[in-house]
C-alpha cells in the first residue's frame, strides 16, 4: 500500500462516518510519510493511543471495499501492533512528535528522528528486521552512539549489549564508517 494514497481515501471514509483519528504512526508507513523510503508497506502501525473500536471496524470495512476494487489490503492494515514499545521509549517522546499526515479527520504524527531511529534499530537488533530502513535513515555515528545506551537496556539477556554493539558496528560499516 502507498500510505499517502490509502490514508487520503481512509480519511474520506472516516469523515463519512463522522469518525476522527489522531494517532502516532511508526514503521514503514511513517518512513514513507516522512519521505525516508518510497516503497509499499502492508500496514499502518499505530504506536499510540489504542485504536477506538469504531475506527478499527471502519478500517476493516474500508479494507473490504478496497479489496472489492482489486487492492490488497488486509483487515488489520491499521493496527496497534507496536503499542508495547511506547512505555519503553525515553521520557519526553510525546513532546518530540512530528506531523506526517493531516487530512480532514485524520492527524498522524510520528516519533522524532532519534526516537524513530531507536525503534527501527531496536527492531533490527531484536528480530533482524528493518536493515534497509535503518540504512535509509542514514544515522550519523553520533546518533548511533546516542541511541546505544537505550538499546542496550531493552533486553535482560547478558549478551544483549554486545549484540547491540555488533549490530550498530555492522550498520555503521554499511553506512561507510566505524562506530
N, C-alpha and C. Protein backbone atom coordinates (compact mmCIF):
# COMPACT_ATOMS: atom_id res chain seq x y z
N UNK A 1 0.84 -1.18 0.00
CA UNK A 1 0.00 0.00 0.00
C UNK A 1 0.88 1.24 0.00
N UNK A 2 0.43 2.25 -0.69
CA UNK A 2 1.07 3.56 -0.63
C UNK A 2 0.34 4.32 0.48
N UNK A 3 1.03 4.55 1.62
CA UNK A 3 0.34 5.15 2.77
C UNK A 3 -0.37 6.46 2.47
N UNK A 4 0.22 7.33 1.66
CA UNK A 4 -0.42 8.62 1.38
C UNK A 4 -1.75 8.43 0.66
N UNK A 5 -1.75 7.55 -0.32
CA UNK A 5 -2.97 7.31 -1.10
C UNK A 5 -4.03 6.64 -0.22
N UNK A 6 -3.63 5.61 0.50
CA UNK A 6 -4.58 4.87 1.33
C UNK A 6 -5.12 5.77 2.44
N UNK A 7 -4.25 6.53 3.08
CA UNK A 7 -4.72 7.39 4.18
C UNK A 7 -5.64 8.50 3.68
N UNK A 8 -5.39 9.03 2.51
CA UNK A 8 -6.29 10.05 1.96
C UNK A 8 -7.68 9.46 1.73
N UNK A 9 -7.72 8.25 1.18
CA UNK A 9 -9.02 7.60 0.95
C UNK A 9 -9.67 7.21 2.28
N UNK A 10 -8.87 6.75 3.23
CA UNK A 10 -9.42 6.37 4.54
C UNK A 10 -9.92 7.60 5.29
N UNK A 11 -9.28 8.73 5.09
CA UNK A 11 -9.72 9.99 5.69
C UNK A 11 -11.16 10.30 5.25
N UNK A 12 -11.42 10.16 3.96
CA UNK A 12 -12.78 10.39 3.43
C UNK A 12 -13.76 9.36 4.00
N UNK A 13 -13.29 8.10 4.11
CA UNK A 13 -14.13 7.02 4.65
C UNK A 13 -14.52 7.33 6.10
N UNK A 14 -13.55 7.76 6.90
CA UNK A 14 -13.85 8.10 8.31
C UNK A 14 -14.74 9.33 8.40
N UNK A 15 -14.49 10.32 7.56
CA UNK A 15 -15.30 11.54 7.59
C UNK A 15 -16.76 11.23 7.30
N UNK A 16 -17.00 10.33 6.35
CA UNK A 16 -18.37 9.96 6.02
C UNK A 16 -19.07 9.27 7.19
N UNK A 17 -18.31 8.72 8.09
CA UNK A 17 -18.85 8.03 9.28
C UNK A 17 -18.76 8.90 10.54
N UNK A 18 -18.35 10.15 10.37
CA UNK A 18 -18.22 11.10 11.47
C UNK A 18 -17.27 10.59 12.55
N UNK A 19 -16.16 9.99 12.08
CA UNK A 19 -15.13 9.50 12.99
C UNK A 19 -13.86 10.30 12.78
N UNK A 20 -13.04 10.38 13.83
CA UNK A 20 -11.75 11.07 13.78
C UNK A 20 -10.67 10.11 14.26
N UNK A 21 -9.45 10.37 13.81
CA UNK A 21 -8.30 9.58 14.26
C UNK A 21 -7.11 10.50 14.43
N UNK A 22 -6.61 10.58 15.65
CA UNK A 22 -5.35 11.25 15.94
C UNK A 22 -4.48 10.21 16.61
N UNK A 23 -3.32 9.94 15.99
CA UNK A 23 -2.50 8.85 16.48
C UNK A 23 -1.04 9.05 16.11
N UNK A 24 -0.20 8.18 16.68
CA UNK A 24 1.23 8.16 16.40
C UNK A 24 1.51 6.92 15.56
N UNK A 25 2.03 7.14 14.36
CA UNK A 25 2.35 6.06 13.42
C UNK A 25 3.86 5.84 13.42
N UNK A 26 4.27 4.58 13.35
CA UNK A 26 5.70 4.27 13.24
C UNK A 26 5.87 3.24 12.12
N UNK A 27 7.06 2.73 11.98
CA UNK A 27 7.31 1.67 11.00
C UNK A 27 7.42 2.20 9.58
N UNK A 28 7.20 1.29 8.64
CA UNK A 28 7.34 1.61 7.22
C UNK A 28 6.41 2.71 6.76
N UNK A 29 5.18 2.73 7.28
CA UNK A 29 4.24 3.78 6.89
C UNK A 29 4.79 5.15 7.30
N UNK A 30 5.34 5.25 8.51
CA UNK A 30 5.90 6.53 8.96
C UNK A 30 7.07 6.94 8.08
N UNK A 31 7.94 5.99 7.76
CA UNK A 31 9.09 6.31 6.92
C UNK A 31 8.66 6.78 5.54
N UNK A 32 7.60 6.17 5.00
CA UNK A 32 7.04 6.61 3.72
C UNK A 32 6.50 8.04 3.84
N UNK A 33 5.72 8.28 4.86
CA UNK A 33 5.12 9.60 5.04
C UNK A 33 6.17 10.68 5.28
N UNK A 34 7.30 10.29 5.88
CA UNK A 34 8.39 11.23 6.10
C UNK A 34 9.27 11.42 4.86
N UNK A 35 9.06 10.56 3.85
CA UNK A 35 9.87 10.65 2.64
C UNK A 35 11.23 9.97 2.76
N UNK A 36 11.42 9.17 3.81
CA UNK A 36 12.70 8.47 4.00
C UNK A 36 12.81 7.30 3.04
N UNK A 37 11.70 6.59 2.84
CA UNK A 37 11.66 5.48 1.88
C UNK A 37 10.48 5.71 0.94
N UNK A 38 10.56 5.06 -0.20
CA UNK A 38 9.48 5.15 -1.19
C UNK A 38 9.18 3.74 -1.64
N UNK A 39 8.47 3.02 -0.81
CA UNK A 39 8.10 1.64 -1.11
C UNK A 39 6.73 1.38 -0.53
N UNK A 40 6.13 0.33 -1.00
CA UNK A 40 4.83 -0.03 -0.43
C UNK A 40 5.05 -0.70 0.92
N UNK A 41 4.03 -0.65 1.72
CA UNK A 41 4.05 -1.32 3.02
C UNK A 41 2.72 -2.01 3.18
N UNK A 42 2.67 -3.04 4.00
CA UNK A 42 1.43 -3.81 4.12
C UNK A 42 0.48 -3.27 5.17
N UNK A 43 1.00 -2.39 6.04
CA UNK A 43 0.13 -1.92 7.12
C UNK A 43 0.52 -0.54 7.59
N UNK A 44 -0.23 -0.08 8.56
CA UNK A 44 0.00 1.21 9.20
C UNK A 44 0.01 0.94 10.71
N UNK A 45 1.22 0.94 11.26
CA UNK A 45 1.41 0.59 12.67
C UNK A 45 1.19 1.80 13.57
N UNK A 46 0.20 1.70 14.44
CA UNK A 46 -0.12 2.79 15.36
C UNK A 46 0.47 2.46 16.74
N UNK A 47 1.36 3.33 17.19
CA UNK A 47 2.02 3.18 18.48
C UNK A 47 1.11 3.60 19.63
N UNK A 48 0.39 4.71 19.41
CA UNK A 48 -0.39 5.30 20.49
C UNK A 48 -1.45 6.20 19.87
N UNK A 49 -2.61 6.28 20.41
CA UNK A 49 -3.20 5.52 21.50
C UNK A 49 -3.80 4.22 20.97
N UNK A 50 -4.43 3.48 21.87
CA UNK A 50 -5.17 2.31 21.43
C UNK A 50 -6.26 2.78 20.47
N UNK A 51 -6.37 2.08 19.36
CA UNK A 51 -7.38 2.47 18.37
C UNK A 51 -8.79 2.25 18.90
N UNK A 52 -9.67 3.23 18.76
CA UNK A 52 -11.06 3.05 19.18
C UNK A 52 -11.72 1.95 18.33
N UNK A 53 -12.59 1.20 18.92
CA UNK A 53 -13.25 0.09 18.22
C UNK A 53 -13.97 0.57 16.96
N UNK A 54 -14.58 1.74 17.02
CA UNK A 54 -15.29 2.25 15.84
C UNK A 54 -14.32 2.49 14.68
N UNK A 55 -13.11 2.93 14.97
CA UNK A 55 -12.10 3.15 13.93
C UNK A 55 -11.59 1.82 13.40
N UNK A 56 -11.41 0.86 14.30
CA UNK A 56 -10.98 -0.49 13.87
C UNK A 56 -12.00 -1.09 12.92
N UNK A 57 -13.27 -0.97 13.27
CA UNK A 57 -14.33 -1.51 12.40
C UNK A 57 -14.39 -0.77 11.06
N UNK A 58 -14.22 0.55 11.12
CA UNK A 58 -14.21 1.33 9.88
C UNK A 58 -13.02 0.94 9.00
N UNK A 59 -11.88 0.64 9.62
CA UNK A 59 -10.69 0.22 8.86
C UNK A 59 -10.91 -1.13 8.19
N UNK A 60 -11.58 -2.04 8.88
CA UNK A 60 -11.91 -3.35 8.29
C UNK A 60 -12.88 -3.17 7.12
N UNK A 61 -13.88 -2.37 7.32
CA UNK A 61 -14.84 -2.09 6.26
C UNK A 61 -14.15 -1.46 5.06
N UNK A 62 -13.27 -0.52 5.31
CA UNK A 62 -12.51 0.15 4.26
C UNK A 62 -11.65 -0.86 3.50
N UNK A 63 -10.99 -1.76 4.23
CA UNK A 63 -10.15 -2.78 3.59
C UNK A 63 -10.99 -3.66 2.68
N UNK A 64 -12.17 -4.04 3.14
CA UNK A 64 -13.05 -4.89 2.32
C UNK A 64 -13.47 -4.15 1.04
N UNK A 65 -13.77 -2.87 1.15
CA UNK A 65 -14.12 -2.07 -0.03
C UNK A 65 -12.94 -1.97 -1.00
N UNK A 66 -11.75 -1.78 -0.46
CA UNK A 66 -10.55 -1.69 -1.31
C UNK A 66 -10.28 -3.03 -2.01
N UNK A 67 -10.47 -4.12 -1.29
CA UNK A 67 -10.26 -5.45 -1.90
C UNK A 67 -11.27 -5.69 -3.02
N UNK A 68 -12.48 -5.22 -2.85
CA UNK A 68 -13.50 -5.37 -3.89
C UNK A 68 -13.09 -4.62 -5.16
N UNK A 69 -12.26 -3.58 -4.98
CA UNK A 69 -11.75 -2.82 -6.13
C UNK A 69 -10.40 -3.34 -6.61
N UNK A 70 -9.98 -4.49 -6.08
CA UNK A 70 -8.74 -5.11 -6.55
C UNK A 70 -7.49 -4.77 -5.73
N UNK A 71 -7.63 -3.99 -4.70
CA UNK A 71 -6.49 -3.65 -3.86
C UNK A 71 -6.18 -4.82 -2.92
N UNK A 72 -4.99 -4.88 -2.41
CA UNK A 72 -4.60 -5.93 -1.47
C UNK A 72 -4.39 -5.25 -0.12
N UNK A 73 -5.44 -5.17 0.65
CA UNK A 73 -5.39 -4.53 1.95
C UNK A 73 -6.01 -5.46 2.97
N UNK A 74 -5.21 -5.90 3.94
CA UNK A 74 -5.69 -6.83 4.97
C UNK A 74 -6.63 -6.11 5.94
N UNK A 75 -7.47 -6.89 6.58
CA UNK A 75 -8.40 -6.31 7.56
C UNK A 75 -7.67 -5.56 8.67
N UNK A 76 -6.48 -6.04 9.04
CA UNK A 76 -5.73 -5.42 10.14
C UNK A 76 -4.65 -4.46 9.64
N UNK A 77 -4.87 -3.85 8.48
CA UNK A 77 -3.88 -2.94 7.92
C UNK A 77 -3.59 -1.76 8.86
N UNK A 78 -4.58 -1.36 9.62
CA UNK A 78 -4.42 -0.32 10.63
C UNK A 78 -4.44 -1.03 11.97
N UNK A 79 -3.32 -1.00 12.69
CA UNK A 79 -3.22 -1.84 13.89
C UNK A 79 -2.37 -1.20 14.97
N UNK A 80 -2.51 -1.72 16.17
CA UNK A 80 -1.73 -1.29 17.33
C UNK A 80 -0.60 -2.28 17.65
N UNK A 81 -0.10 -2.99 16.63
CA UNK A 81 0.94 -3.98 16.83
C UNK A 81 2.13 -3.51 17.66
N UNK A 82 2.64 -2.30 17.42
CA UNK A 82 3.83 -1.86 18.17
C UNK A 82 3.53 -1.15 19.49
N UNK A 83 2.31 -1.23 19.97
CA UNK A 83 1.90 -0.48 21.15
C UNK A 83 2.78 -0.74 22.38
N UNK A 84 3.34 -1.94 22.48
CA UNK A 84 4.17 -2.28 23.65
C UNK A 84 5.48 -1.49 23.68
N UNK A 85 5.85 -0.85 22.58
CA UNK A 85 7.07 -0.06 22.55
C UNK A 85 6.92 1.27 23.29
N UNK A 86 5.73 1.82 23.33
CA UNK A 86 5.50 3.15 23.91
C UNK A 86 6.07 3.31 25.32
N UNK A 87 5.82 2.39 26.25
CA UNK A 87 6.37 2.60 27.60
C UNK A 87 7.89 2.43 27.68
N UNK A 88 8.50 1.87 26.65
CA UNK A 88 9.94 1.67 26.66
C UNK A 88 10.71 2.89 26.16
N UNK A 89 10.05 3.74 25.39
CA UNK A 89 10.73 4.89 24.80
C UNK A 89 11.19 5.87 25.88
N UNK A 90 12.26 6.60 25.59
CA UNK A 90 12.75 7.56 26.58
C UNK A 90 11.70 8.62 26.93
N UNK A 91 11.77 9.08 28.14
CA UNK A 91 10.87 10.12 28.63
C UNK A 91 10.86 11.30 27.67
N UNK A 92 9.67 11.82 27.42
CA UNK A 92 9.52 13.00 26.59
C UNK A 92 9.29 12.71 25.11
N UNK A 93 9.15 11.44 24.75
CA UNK A 93 8.98 11.13 23.32
C UNK A 93 7.74 11.82 22.75
N UNK A 94 6.71 12.00 23.58
CA UNK A 94 5.48 12.63 23.09
C UNK A 94 5.71 14.10 22.71
N UNK A 95 6.68 14.74 23.33
CA UNK A 95 6.98 16.14 23.01
C UNK A 95 7.81 16.28 21.74
N UNK A 96 8.36 15.17 21.25
CA UNK A 96 9.22 15.21 20.06
C UNK A 96 8.51 14.73 18.79
N UNK A 97 7.20 14.55 18.85
CA UNK A 97 6.45 14.07 17.70
C UNK A 97 6.42 15.09 16.57
N UNK A 98 6.31 14.57 15.34
CA UNK A 98 6.19 15.44 14.17
C UNK A 98 4.97 15.01 13.37
N UNK A 99 4.25 15.97 12.81
CA UNK A 99 3.08 15.67 11.98
C UNK A 99 3.57 15.11 10.65
N UNK A 100 2.98 13.94 10.27
CA UNK A 100 3.36 13.32 8.99
C UNK A 100 2.19 13.19 8.02
N UNK A 101 0.97 13.33 8.53
CA UNK A 101 -0.22 13.28 7.67
C UNK A 101 -1.32 14.06 8.35
N UNK A 102 -1.98 14.93 7.57
CA UNK A 102 -3.11 15.68 8.10
C UNK A 102 -4.18 15.74 7.04
N UNK A 103 -5.29 15.08 7.32
CA UNK A 103 -6.44 15.11 6.44
C UNK A 103 -7.55 15.90 7.10
N UNK A 104 -8.77 15.66 6.66
CA UNK A 104 -9.91 16.34 7.27
C UNK A 104 -10.22 15.82 8.67
N UNK A 105 -10.07 14.49 8.87
CA UNK A 105 -10.40 13.90 10.16
C UNK A 105 -9.28 13.02 10.72
N UNK A 106 -8.19 12.89 9.97
CA UNK A 106 -7.05 12.11 10.43
C UNK A 106 -5.85 13.03 10.61
N UNK A 107 -5.22 12.93 11.77
CA UNK A 107 -3.93 13.59 12.01
C UNK A 107 -3.01 12.51 12.55
N UNK A 108 -1.93 12.25 11.80
CA UNK A 108 -0.94 11.27 12.23
C UNK A 108 0.37 11.98 12.51
N UNK A 109 0.94 11.61 13.62
CA UNK A 109 2.26 12.10 14.00
C UNK A 109 3.19 10.90 14.03
N UNK A 110 4.46 11.17 13.94
CA UNK A 110 5.45 10.11 14.09
C UNK A 110 6.47 10.53 15.12
N UNK A 111 7.26 9.57 15.53
CA UNK A 111 8.31 9.84 16.50
C UNK A 111 9.32 10.82 15.92
N UNK A 112 9.94 11.59 16.80
CA UNK A 112 11.04 12.43 16.38
C UNK A 112 12.18 11.54 15.86
N UNK A 113 13.12 12.13 15.17
CA UNK A 113 14.15 11.37 14.48
C UNK A 113 14.86 10.34 15.36
N UNK A 114 15.40 10.76 16.51
CA UNK A 114 16.15 9.80 17.34
C UNK A 114 15.24 8.70 17.89
N UNK A 115 14.02 9.04 18.26
CA UNK A 115 13.10 8.02 18.77
C UNK A 115 12.70 7.05 17.67
N UNK A 116 12.48 7.55 16.46
CA UNK A 116 12.17 6.68 15.33
C UNK A 116 13.36 5.79 15.02
N UNK A 117 14.54 6.36 15.06
CA UNK A 117 15.76 5.58 14.85
C UNK A 117 15.90 4.50 15.92
N UNK A 118 15.63 4.86 17.17
CA UNK A 118 15.67 3.86 18.24
C UNK A 118 14.72 2.70 17.92
N UNK A 119 13.50 3.02 17.50
CA UNK A 119 12.51 1.96 17.25
C UNK A 119 12.95 1.06 16.10
N UNK A 120 13.51 1.63 15.04
CA UNK A 120 13.92 0.82 13.89
C UNK A 120 15.16 -0.02 14.20
N UNK A 121 16.14 0.56 14.90
CA UNK A 121 17.35 -0.19 15.23
C UNK A 121 17.03 -1.25 16.29
N UNK A 122 16.10 -0.96 17.18
CA UNK A 122 15.67 -1.98 18.15
C UNK A 122 15.08 -3.18 17.41
N UNK A 123 14.26 -2.91 16.42
CA UNK A 123 13.68 -3.99 15.61
C UNK A 123 14.79 -4.76 14.90
N UNK A 124 15.78 -4.06 14.41
CA UNK A 124 16.91 -4.71 13.75
C UNK A 124 17.66 -5.60 14.73
N UNK A 125 17.92 -5.12 15.92
CA UNK A 125 18.61 -5.91 16.94
C UNK A 125 17.77 -7.09 17.42
N UNK A 126 16.50 -6.85 17.62
CA UNK A 126 15.61 -7.85 18.21
C UNK A 126 15.19 -8.95 17.25
N UNK A 127 14.88 -8.57 15.99
CA UNK A 127 14.33 -9.55 15.06
C UNK A 127 15.06 -9.61 13.74
N UNK A 128 16.18 -8.90 13.65
CA UNK A 128 16.96 -8.84 12.41
C UNK A 128 16.11 -8.35 11.24
N UNK A 129 15.16 -7.47 11.53
CA UNK A 129 14.33 -6.85 10.50
C UNK A 129 14.73 -5.39 10.35
N UNK A 130 14.33 -4.80 9.25
CA UNK A 130 14.43 -3.36 9.06
C UNK A 130 15.83 -2.84 8.73
N UNK A 131 16.75 -3.71 8.28
CA UNK A 131 18.08 -3.23 7.91
C UNK A 131 18.00 -2.15 6.85
N UNK A 132 17.22 -2.38 5.80
CA UNK A 132 17.11 -1.39 4.73
C UNK A 132 16.54 -0.07 5.24
N UNK A 133 15.58 -0.14 6.16
CA UNK A 133 15.02 1.08 6.72
C UNK A 133 16.06 1.82 7.56
N UNK A 134 16.86 1.06 8.33
CA UNK A 134 17.90 1.68 9.15
C UNK A 134 18.95 2.35 8.27
N UNK A 135 19.32 1.71 7.17
CA UNK A 135 20.27 2.32 6.23
C UNK A 135 19.65 3.56 5.60
N UNK A 136 18.37 3.48 5.23
CA UNK A 136 17.69 4.63 4.62
C UNK A 136 17.64 5.82 5.58
N UNK A 137 17.52 5.56 6.87
CA UNK A 137 17.52 6.65 7.85
C UNK A 137 18.89 7.32 7.95
N UNK A 138 19.93 6.62 7.49
CA UNK A 138 21.30 7.15 7.45
C UNK A 138 21.72 7.82 8.75
N UNK A 139 21.67 7.08 9.85
CA UNK A 139 22.09 7.69 11.11
C UNK A 139 23.58 8.05 11.08
N UNK A 140 23.90 9.13 11.75
CA UNK A 140 25.29 9.55 11.87
C UNK A 140 25.97 8.70 12.95
N UNK A 141 27.30 8.68 12.97
CA UNK A 141 27.98 7.98 14.07
C UNK A 141 27.55 8.51 15.44
N UNK A 142 27.34 9.81 15.53
CA UNK A 142 26.91 10.41 16.80
C UNK A 142 25.53 9.90 17.21
N UNK A 143 24.62 9.79 16.24
CA UNK A 143 23.28 9.28 16.55
C UNK A 143 23.35 7.83 17.01
N UNK A 144 24.17 7.03 16.37
CA UNK A 144 24.31 5.62 16.78
C UNK A 144 24.87 5.54 18.19
N UNK A 145 25.84 6.37 18.51
CA UNK A 145 26.39 6.37 19.87
C UNK A 145 25.33 6.83 20.87
N UNK A 146 24.51 7.79 20.46
CA UNK A 146 23.49 8.31 21.37
C UNK A 146 22.39 7.29 21.68
N UNK A 147 22.02 6.47 20.70
CA UNK A 147 20.93 5.51 20.96
C UNK A 147 21.43 4.21 21.59
N UNK A 148 22.72 3.95 21.55
CA UNK A 148 23.24 2.68 22.06
C UNK A 148 22.90 2.40 23.52
N UNK A 149 23.06 3.36 24.44
CA UNK A 149 22.73 3.04 25.85
C UNK A 149 21.28 2.62 26.03
N UNK A 150 20.35 3.29 25.33
CA UNK A 150 18.94 2.91 25.43
C UNK A 150 18.73 1.50 24.87
N UNK A 151 19.30 1.23 23.71
CA UNK A 151 19.15 -0.09 23.09
C UNK A 151 19.69 -1.18 24.00
N UNK A 152 20.82 -0.92 24.64
CA UNK A 152 21.47 -1.93 25.49
C UNK A 152 20.61 -2.33 26.68
N UNK A 153 19.69 -1.48 27.07
CA UNK A 153 18.82 -1.76 28.22
C UNK A 153 17.53 -2.50 27.86
N UNK A 154 17.29 -2.76 26.58
CA UNK A 154 15.99 -3.27 26.15
C UNK A 154 15.83 -4.78 26.25
N UNK A 155 16.83 -5.49 26.72
CA UNK A 155 16.72 -6.94 26.88
C UNK A 155 17.58 -7.34 28.06
N UNK A 156 17.08 -8.26 28.88
CA UNK A 156 17.79 -8.69 30.07
C UNK A 156 18.88 -9.73 29.81
N UNK A 157 18.96 -10.26 28.61
CA UNK A 157 19.98 -11.24 28.28
C UNK A 157 21.36 -10.61 28.47
N UNK A 158 22.26 -11.28 29.21
CA UNK A 158 23.58 -10.68 29.44
C UNK A 158 24.39 -10.45 28.16
N UNK A 159 24.07 -11.17 27.10
CA UNK A 159 24.76 -10.99 25.83
C UNK A 159 24.16 -9.87 24.97
N UNK A 160 23.02 -9.34 25.38
CA UNK A 160 22.32 -8.34 24.58
C UNK A 160 23.15 -7.09 24.29
N UNK A 161 23.81 -6.48 25.30
CA UNK A 161 24.59 -5.27 24.99
C UNK A 161 25.68 -5.52 23.93
N UNK A 162 26.34 -6.67 23.99
CA UNK A 162 27.34 -6.99 22.96
C UNK A 162 26.69 -7.17 21.60
N UNK A 163 25.51 -7.77 21.58
CA UNK A 163 24.77 -7.95 20.33
C UNK A 163 24.39 -6.59 19.74
N UNK A 164 23.90 -5.70 20.58
CA UNK A 164 23.55 -4.35 20.14
C UNK A 164 24.77 -3.67 19.54
N UNK A 165 25.89 -3.75 20.23
CA UNK A 165 27.12 -3.12 19.73
C UNK A 165 27.51 -3.68 18.36
N UNK A 166 27.39 -5.00 18.21
CA UNK A 166 27.72 -5.66 16.95
C UNK A 166 26.81 -5.18 15.82
N UNK A 167 25.52 -5.08 16.11
CA UNK A 167 24.56 -4.61 15.11
C UNK A 167 24.88 -3.17 14.71
N UNK A 168 25.17 -2.32 15.70
CA UNK A 168 25.49 -0.93 15.42
C UNK A 168 26.78 -0.81 14.60
N UNK A 169 27.76 -1.64 14.91
CA UNK A 169 29.01 -1.63 14.14
C UNK A 169 28.75 -2.05 12.69
N UNK A 170 27.93 -3.10 12.51
CA UNK A 170 27.60 -3.55 11.16
C UNK A 170 26.86 -2.45 10.40
N UNK A 171 25.91 -1.83 11.05
CA UNK A 171 25.16 -0.74 10.42
C UNK A 171 26.10 0.40 10.04
N UNK A 172 26.99 0.74 10.94
CA UNK A 172 27.97 1.80 10.66
C UNK A 172 28.84 1.46 9.46
N UNK A 173 29.31 0.22 9.39
CA UNK A 173 30.13 -0.20 8.24
C UNK A 173 29.34 -0.08 6.94
N UNK A 174 28.07 -0.48 6.97
CA UNK A 174 27.23 -0.38 5.79
C UNK A 174 27.04 1.07 5.34
N UNK A 175 27.11 1.97 6.31
CA UNK A 175 26.96 3.39 6.00
C UNK A 175 28.30 4.06 5.70
N UNK A 176 29.39 3.29 5.79
CA UNK A 176 30.68 3.81 5.39
C UNK A 176 31.54 4.37 6.51
N UNK A 177 31.22 4.05 7.76
CA UNK A 177 32.08 4.50 8.86
C UNK A 177 32.09 3.45 9.95
N UNK A 178 33.03 3.62 10.86
CA UNK A 178 33.14 2.72 12.00
C UNK A 178 32.58 3.44 13.20
N UNK A 179 31.71 2.74 13.92
CA UNK A 179 31.06 3.36 15.08
C UNK A 179 31.95 3.26 16.29
